[in-house]
């Protein structure tokens, strides 16, 4: 089947977080938004049809999860990631970020340090601080245009008493798809110091390079026993509004604690549209995903070539995974405030300004590539024109 990712679908006036807040967030209703990580593409046809049929029932009551739903999840991860998940390891959650917060609550105490590898997805900082834990930063090293883990510093944090870590895999915003040997080295340290890992793998299906995503918990039973894996079809198939997230926890004691906390704060259960849409996504939409990845690779190549040719003072960090491009703009010599002014006022575009992801992100921008190429081209042209006027 042919999919038309070049089509522009109007999203203004649809209660879109991405498109309907331009004036309140950026001071201009006509800013081009290439920031928050949702796609400007329609969902796979099978998902759309399933949601339509579900909506036509006209009664949107409480919903159960079925064996078919669990089988769709387990089959997908075995087929795509060579990871054999047992259905009893799965717990439904209202979103990956809430799952991160709940896992922090059951795996640590107020005041405890929680390791993050900065620059990193900004809700990592929020769920640590708002749960009265302390951030223990293990900054990634940018070497030859590629991020690497600093294991020596990481071990020092563990040696000093940090017992919990948030892992972003694939990494957002840096675009790294961690290699097996990198994850094994991380796992060995966690085993040595008895450090639990909350692994955000929401972008696991979005691999752009000639690589494979390796689920952390698939490395060994012993590493799996330390790991809470936070997963969802939402980024893969552009369905975050359907609330179809889940965790995978093979350690019975950790799962018991996690499930009890879910019940305590009464956020368990599934949404009306979630399970049917997840089944349609995982069982019927793999060819759509392959076409999407090809299109996003084309967008990345287009953006990287544009920057190299038209904006040589900027340095794009080639994304191995996610549909996000991390761009080093430090040579412009602008403060975070000045970069925002350049984007919102001069260029009339909205990328994510890098300090949002921690101090190590200052001077960078995150660009959402999951949009029709014409929109990406317009945004880059406007950005170049604004830089030329500096």
Protein backbone atom coordinates (compact mmCIF):
# COMPACT_ATOMS: atom_id res chain seq x y z
CA UNK A 1 0.00 0.00 0.00
CA UNK A 2 1.13 3.55 -0.71
CA UNK A 3 0.99 6.08 2.12
CA UNK A 4 0.95 9.82 1.53
CA UNK A 5 3.13 11.43 4.17
CA UNK A 6 3.51 14.58 2.04
CA UNK A 7 -0.13 15.54 2.55
CA UNK A 8 -0.74 18.59 4.74
CA UNK A 9 -3.66 18.09 7.12
CA UNK A 10 -4.93 21.20 8.93
CA UNK A 11 -4.66 20.74 12.70
CA UNK A 12 -5.50 24.21 13.94
CA UNK A 13 -8.79 24.27 15.79
CA UNK A 14 -8.60 20.57 16.72
CA UNK A 15 -7.53 21.12 20.36
CA UNK A 16 -3.99 20.25 19.28
CA UNK A 17 -1.30 20.75 21.92
CA UNK A 18 1.13 21.35 19.07
CA UNK A 19 -0.89 23.70 16.84
CA UNK A 20 -3.46 25.47 19.03
CA UNK A 21 -1.13 27.13 21.54
CA UNK A 22 1.08 29.15 19.22
CA UNK A 23 -0.07 32.53 20.48
CA UNK A 24 -0.05 31.62 24.17
CA UNK A 25 3.33 29.86 24.01
CA UNK A 26 5.19 31.79 21.32
CA UNK A 27 3.32 35.08 20.95
CA UNK A 28 2.31 34.51 17.34
CA UNK A 29 -0.61 32.40 16.07
CA UNK A 30 1.20 31.75 12.77
CA UNK A 31 4.41 30.27 14.16
CA UNK A 32 5.26 26.96 12.47
CA UNK A 33 5.35 24.38 15.28
CA UNK A 34 8.02 21.68 14.93
CA UNK A 35 8.49 21.11 18.64
CA UNK A 36 6.47 18.63 20.75
CA UNK A 37 6.97 15.01 19.69
CA UNK A 38 3.80 14.13 17.89
CA UNK A 39 3.57 13.64 14.14
CA UNK A 40 1.76 15.70 11.53
CA UNK A 41 0.82 12.45 9.79
CA UNK A 42 -2.45 10.57 9.95
CA UNK A 43 -2.39 7.31 11.89
CA UNK A 44 -2.22 4.00 10.03
CA UNK A 45 -5.44 3.23 8.14
CA UNK A 46 -6.13 0.18 10.32
CA UNK A 47 -6.01 2.33 13.46
CA UNK A 48 -8.25 5.01 11.95
CA UNK A 49 -10.82 2.43 10.84
CA UNK A 50 -10.79 0.70 14.21
CA UNK A 51 -11.33 3.98 16.07
CA UNK A 52 -14.19 4.89 13.69
CA UNK A 53 -15.91 1.57 14.28
CA UNK A 54 -15.41 1.89 18.00
CA UNK A 55 -16.80 5.45 18.01
CA UNK A 56 -19.87 4.36 16.07
CA UNK A 57 -20.93 2.18 19.01
CA UNK A 58 -22.06 5.40 20.65
CA UNK A 59 -21.56 4.08 24.17
CA UNK A 60 -18.14 4.84 25.57
CA UNK A 61 -18.15 2.77 28.72
CA UNK A 62 -15.57 1.12 30.93
CA UNK A 63 -13.30 -1.16 28.93
CA UNK A 64 -11.45 -4.39 29.62
CA UNK A 65 -8.21 -5.68 28.20
CA UNK A 66 -8.35 -9.02 26.42
CA UNK A 67 -6.01 -11.88 25.56
CA UNK A 68 -5.98 -10.55 21.99
CA UNK A 69 -4.70 -7.20 23.27
CA UNK A 70 -1.94 -8.80 25.35
CA UNK A 71 -1.00 -11.11 22.47
CA UNK A 72 -0.69 -8.13 20.11
CA UNK A 73 1.82 -6.54 22.48
CA UNK A 74 3.86 -9.65 23.19
CA UNK A 75 3.93 -10.70 19.53
CA UNK A 76 5.11 -7.26 18.44
CA UNK A 77 8.03 -7.16 20.84
CA UNK A 78 9.08 -10.70 20.01
CA UNK A 79 8.83 -10.03 16.27
CA UNK A 80 10.39 -6.57 16.17
CA UNK A 81 12.81 -6.70 19.10
CA UNK A 82 13.49 -10.38 19.80
CA UNK A 83 12.14 -9.90 23.32
CA UNK A 84 9.83 -12.55 24.71
CA UNK A 85 7.47 -10.85 27.17
CA UNK A 86 5.12 -12.80 29.42
CA UNK A 87 1.61 -11.30 29.52
CA UNK A 88 1.63 -11.29 33.33
CA UNK A 89 4.54 -8.82 33.27
CA UNK A 90 2.36 -6.11 31.69
CA UNK A 91 0.56 -3.33 33.56
CA UNK A 92 -1.47 -0.67 31.74
CA UNK A 93 -0.68 2.94 32.60
CA UNK A 94 -2.22 6.31 31.67
CA UNK A 95 1.03 7.31 29.92
CA UNK A 96 4.76 6.74 29.97
CA UNK A 97 5.49 9.87 32.03
CA UNK A 98 2.98 8.87 34.76
CA UNK A 99 4.61 5.43 34.74
CA UNK A 100 8.03 7.03 35.30
CA UNK A 101 6.62 8.93 38.27
CA UNK A 102 4.93 5.89 39.80
CA UNK A 103 8.09 3.80 39.38
CA UNK A 104 10.14 6.49 41.12
CA UNK A 105 7.70 6.44 44.02
CA UNK A 106 7.95 2.67 44.54
CA UNK A 107 11.69 2.32 43.92
CA UNK A 108 13.04 5.22 45.99
CA UNK A 109 12.38 7.42 48.98
CA UNK A 110 12.09 11.22 49.27
CA UNK A 111 15.55 12.76 49.19
CA UNK A 112 17.12 9.86 47.28
CA UNK A 113 19.33 10.63 44.27
CA UNK A 114 18.06 9.49 40.86
CA UNK A 115 20.54 9.28 37.98
CA UNK A 116 19.75 10.94 34.65
CA UNK A 117 21.98 11.19 31.59
CA UNK A 118 21.74 14.79 30.43
CA UNK A 119 20.78 16.37 28.13
CA UNK A 120 17.60 14.33 28.37
CA UNK A 121 13.83 14.42 27.92
CA UNK A 122 12.67 17.21 30.22
CA UNK A 123 9.92 15.30 32.13
CA UNK A 124 12.73 13.18 33.63
CA UNK A 125 13.69 16.21 35.71
CA UNK A 126 10.07 16.97 36.57
CA UNK A 127 9.16 13.51 37.87
CA UNK A 128 12.28 13.46 40.05
CA UNK A 129 11.81 16.92 41.55
CA UNK A 130 8.05 16.68 42.01
CA UNK A 131 8.48 13.44 43.91
CA UNK A 132 10.98 15.13 46.24
CA UNK A 133 13.95 13.15 44.94
CA UNK A 134 17.33 14.60 43.95
CA UNK A 135 18.74 14.74 40.43
CA UNK A 136 22.11 13.04 40.05
CA UNK A 137 23.38 14.07 36.62
CA UNK A 138 25.60 11.76 34.61
CA UNK A 139 26.21 13.99 31.56
CA UNK A 140 26.65 12.26 28.23
CA UNK A 141 29.81 12.96 26.28
CA UNK A 142 29.48 14.39 22.78
CA UNK A 143 32.34 12.90 20.80
CA UNK A 144 32.71 13.14 17.01
CA UNK A 145 29.06 14.13 16.65
CA UNK A 146 27.72 11.23 18.72
CA UNK A 147 26.76 10.89 22.37
CA UNK A 148 28.47 8.33 24.59
CA UNK A 149 27.93 7.27 28.18
CA UNK A 150 30.49 8.31 30.79
CA UNK A 151 30.75 5.02 32.69
CA UNK A 152 33.47 6.17 35.07
CA UNK A 153 31.35 9.06 36.32
CA UNK A 154 28.26 6.86 36.33
CA UNK A 155 29.97 4.35 38.56
CA UNK A 156 31.05 7.11 40.92
CA UNK A 157 27.40 8.13 41.40
CA UNK A 158 26.47 4.53 42.15
CA UNK A 159 29.40 4.11 44.49
CA UNK A 160 28.25 7.23 46.35
CA UNK A 161 24.84 5.66 46.94
CA UNK A 162 22.54 6.31 43.97
CA UNK A 163 20.23 3.29 43.72
CA UNK A 164 17.90 4.34 40.89
CA UNK A 165 18.47 5.45 37.31
CA UNK A 166 16.26 6.77 34.53
CA UNK A 167 17.42 5.54 31.12
CA UNK A 168 16.22 7.05 27.83
CA UNK A 169 16.53 4.41 25.10
CA UNK A 170 16.57 5.41 22.28
CA UNK A 171 17.85 8.68 23.61
CA UNK A 172 15.77 11.84 23.39
CA UNK A 173 16.94 14.41 22.33
CA UNK A 174 20.36 13.05 21.31
CA UNK A 175 19.05 10.41 18.93
CA UNK A 176 21.30 7.58 20.12
CA UNK A 177 20.24 3.98 19.71
CA UNK A 178 22.38 2.39 22.38
CA UNK A 179 24.49 -0.56 21.22
CA UNK A 180 24.20 -3.91 22.97
CA UNK A 181 27.69 -3.64 24.45
CA UNK A 182 26.91 -0.17 25.85
CA UNK A 183 23.76 -1.46 27.54
CA UNK A 184 25.54 -4.56 28.82
CA UNK A 185 28.19 -2.39 30.44
CA UNK A 186 25.46 -0.28 32.01
CA UNK A 187 23.66 -3.40 33.19
CA UNK A 188 26.81 -4.81 34.74
CA UNK A 189 27.27 -1.64 36.79
CA UNK A 190 23.65 -1.74 37.91
CA UNK A 191 24.03 -5.37 38.96
CA UNK A 192 27.26 -4.65 40.81
CA UNK A 193 25.75 -1.76 42.81
CA UNK A 194 22.15 -3.07 42.94
CA UNK A 195 20.78 -0.07 41.05
CA UNK A 196 17.25 -0.27 39.66
CA UNK A 197 16.61 1.12 36.18
CA UNK A 198 13.46 2.76 34.86
CA UNK A 199 13.89 2.46 31.10
CA UNK A 200 11.83 4.79 28.91
CA UNK A 201 11.70 2.95 25.58
CA UNK A 202 8.78 4.76 23.99
CA UNK A 203 10.81 5.43 20.82
CA UNK A 204 11.96 1.82 20.50
CA UNK A 205 10.32 1.24 17.10
CA UNK A 206 11.68 4.43 15.54
CA UNK A 207 15.17 3.37 14.48
CA UNK A 208 16.55 5.32 11.53
CA UNK A 209 20.10 4.01 11.29
CA UNK A 210 21.14 0.52 10.25
CA UNK A 211 20.87 -0.63 13.84
CA UNK A 212 18.59 -2.56 16.17
CA UNK A 213 16.99 -1.32 19.34
CA UNK A 214 17.93 -3.60 22.23
CA UNK A 215 15.39 -3.61 25.09
CA UNK A 216 17.39 -3.32 28.30
CA UNK A 217 15.36 -6.04 30.00
CA UNK A 218 16.08 -8.46 27.15
CA UNK A 219 19.81 -8.61 27.97
CA UNK A 220 19.51 -11.13 30.80
CA UNK A 221 17.15 -12.32 33.52
CA UNK A 222 19.28 -10.65 36.15
CA UNK A 223 19.18 -7.25 34.42
CA UNK A 224 15.46 -7.68 33.77
CA UNK A 225 14.91 -8.14 37.51
CA UNK A 226 16.30 -4.63 38.04
CA UNK A 227 14.32 -3.02 35.24
CA UNK A 228 10.96 -1.32 34.80
CA UNK A 229 10.39 -0.89 31.05
CA UNK A 230 7.99 1.90 30.04
CA UNK A 231 6.45 1.30 26.63
CA UNK A 232 3.66 2.41 24.30
CA UNK A 233 2.56 2.36 20.66
CA UNK A 234 1.91 6.11 20.87
CA UNK A 235 5.08 7.52 19.31
CA UNK A 236 5.32 4.72 16.77
CA UNK A 237 1.81 5.13 15.36
CA UNK A 238 0.99 8.75 16.36
CA UNK A 239 -1.72 7.87 18.87
CA UNK A 240 -0.71 9.46 22.23
CA UNK A 241 -4.22 10.82 22.69
CA UNK A 242 -5.58 7.27 22.94
CA UNK A 243 -3.80 6.57 26.26
CA UNK A 244 -2.42 3.18 25.39
CA UNK A 245 0.74 2.83 27.48
CA UNK A 246 2.04 -0.04 29.57
CA UNK A 247 4.97 -1.16 31.67
CA UNK A 248 6.80 -4.47 31.53
CA UNK A 249 8.12 -5.70 34.90
CA UNK A 250 9.38 -9.28 35.29
CA UNK A 251 10.45 -8.86 38.93
CA UNK A 252 7.39 -10.05 40.93
CA UNK A 253 8.10 -7.87 43.96
CA UNK A 254 8.63 -4.69 41.93
CA UNK A 255 5.52 -5.43 39.89
CA UNK A 256 3.50 -5.97 43.06
CA UNK A 257 4.63 -2.62 44.43
CA UNK A 258 4.00 -0.89 41.11
CA UNK A 259 0.52 -2.40 40.73
CA UNK A 260 -0.39 -1.52 44.33
CA UNK A 261 0.62 2.07 43.70
CA UNK A 262 -1.45 2.15 40.50
CA UNK A 263 -4.44 0.95 42.53
CA UNK A 264 -3.77 3.39 45.38
CA UNK A 265 -3.92 6.43 43.13
CA UNK A 266 -6.72 4.87 41.02
CA UNK A 267 -5.18 5.29 37.57
CA UNK A 268 -5.45 1.68 36.44
CA UNK A 269 -7.55 0.36 33.59
CA UNK A 270 -7.57 1.03 29.87
CA UNK A 271 -9.22 3.70 27.75
CA UNK A 272 -12.20 2.95 25.51
CA UNK A 273 -10.16 3.28 22.32
CA UNK A 274 -6.78 2.07 23.61
CA UNK A 275 -6.84 -1.75 23.34
CA UNK A 276 -8.57 -1.96 19.91
CA UNK A 277 -6.24 0.71 18.50
CA UNK A 278 -3.20 -1.05 19.93
CA UNK A 279 -4.30 -4.33 18.34
CA UNK A 280 -4.78 -2.62 14.98
CA UNK A 281 -1.41 -0.90 15.27
CA UNK A 282 0.65 -3.92 16.26
CA UNK A 283 -1.18 -6.51 14.15
CA UNK A 284 -2.03 -4.60 10.98
CA UNK A 285 0.25 -1.56 10.61
CA UNK A 286 3.82 -2.80 10.29
CA UNK A 287 4.02 -1.87 6.60
CA UNK A 288 2.85 1.67 7.49
CA UNK A 289 5.68 1.91 10.03
CA UNK A 290 8.29 0.85 7.47
CA UNK A 291 7.00 3.50 5.06
CA UNK A 292 7.04 6.09 7.84
CA UNK A 293 10.64 5.29 8.73
CA UNK A 294 11.68 5.69 5.10
CA UNK A 295 9.98 9.08 4.94
CA UNK A 296 11.49 10.31 8.20
CA UNK A 297 14.94 9.16 7.05
CA UNK A 298 14.39 11.27 3.95
CA UNK A 299 13.42 14.25 6.10
CA UNK A 300 16.51 13.79 8.25
CA UNK A 301 18.76 13.60 5.19
CA UNK A 302 17.07 16.70 3.79
CA UNK A 303 17.49 18.67 7.03
CA UNK A 304 21.10 17.59 7.54
CA UNK A 305 22.03 18.48 3.95
CA UNK A 306 20.26 21.84 4.27
CA UNK A 307 22.16 22.66 7.45
CA UNK A 308 25.52 21.58 6.02
CA UNK A 309 25.00 23.62 2.83
CA UNK A 310 23.04 26.64 4.04
CA UNK A 311 23.91 26.95 7.74
CA UNK A 312 27.48 25.63 8.08
CA UNK A 313 27.91 27.29 11.47
CA UNK A 314 25.41 24.76 12.89
CA UNK A 315 26.19 21.10 13.52
CA UNK A 316 23.41 18.51 13.33
CA UNK A 317 23.74 15.42 15.52
CA UNK A 318 22.71 12.58 13.21
CA UNK A 319 19.74 10.74 14.72
CA UNK A 320 20.03 6.97 14.91
CA UNK A 321 16.55 6.78 16.41
CA UNK A 322 13.45 8.88 17.19
CA UNK A 323 12.07 11.33 14.63
CA UNK A 324 13.91 14.21 16.29
CA UNK A 325 17.02 16.06 15.14
CA UNK A 326 19.35 17.61 17.73
CA UNK A 327 21.23 20.61 16.36
CA UNK A 328 24.28 22.27 17.91
CA UNK A 329 23.83 26.03 17.51
CA UNK A 330 26.48 27.13 20.00
CA UNK A 331 28.59 28.77 17.31
CA UNK A 332 25.88 31.42 16.97
CA UNK A 333 26.92 32.62 20.42
CA UNK A 334 23.33 33.27 21.52
CA UNK A 335 21.80 32.85 24.96
CA UNK A 336 18.77 30.64 25.44
CA UNK A 337 16.59 33.74 25.54
CA UNK A 338 18.13 35.06 22.33
CA UNK A 339 17.63 31.73 20.57
CA UNK A 340 13.95 31.81 21.49
CA UNK A 341 13.70 35.36 20.18
CA UNK A 342 15.38 34.25 16.96
CA UNK A 343 12.93 31.38 16.51
CA UNK A 344 9.61 32.83 17.64
CA UNK A 345 9.95 36.45 16.60
CA UNK A 346 12.40 36.51 13.69
CA UNK A 347 11.94 33.12 12.03
CA UNK A 348 8.35 32.53 13.22
CA UNK A 349 9.06 28.88 13.89
CA UNK A 350 9.07 26.79 17.06
CA UNK A 351 11.73 24.16 17.60
CA UNK A 352 12.51 23.08 21.17
CA UNK A 353 15.19 25.25 22.78
CA UNK A 354 17.89 23.02 24.21
CA UNK A 355 18.23 24.21 27.81
CA UNK A 356 14.83 22.58 28.38
CA UNK A 357 16.76 19.29 28.46
CA UNK A 358 19.26 20.39 31.07
CA UNK A 359 22.29 22.64 31.23
CA UNK A 360 24.14 20.42 28.73
CA UNK A 361 21.47 21.27 26.16
CA UNK A 362 22.09 25.02 26.20
CA UNK A 363 22.87 26.27 22.71
CA UNK A 364 21.11 23.34 21.02
CA UNK A 365 17.73 22.99 19.31
CA UNK A 366 15.47 19.95 18.88
CA UNK A 367 13.63 19.73 15.56
CA UNK A 368 10.62 17.47 15.02
CA UNK A 369 11.10 15.80 11.61
CA UNK A 370 7.74 13.97 11.61
CA UNK A 371 5.96 16.35 9.29
CA UNK A 372 5.43 16.76 5.54
CA UNK A 373 8.65 17.76 3.86
CA UNK A 374 7.16 20.99 2.56
CA UNK A 375 6.55 22.08 6.16
CA UNK A 376 10.08 21.13 7.20
CA UNK A 377 11.51 22.97 4.19
CA UNK A 378 9.51 26.10 4.99
CA UNK A 379 10.67 26.04 8.61
CA UNK A 380 14.33 25.64 7.66
CA UNK A 381 14.08 28.40 5.05
CA UNK A 382 12.57 30.77 7.61
CA UNK A 383 15.22 29.83 10.16
CA UNK A 384 18.03 30.48 7.67
CA UNK A 385 16.54 33.84 6.69
CA UNK A 386 16.38 34.88 10.35
CA UNK A 387 20.00 33.80 10.98
CA UNK A 388 21.13 35.69 7.86
CA UNK A 389 19.70 38.87 9.38
CA UNK A 390 21.71 38.58 12.59
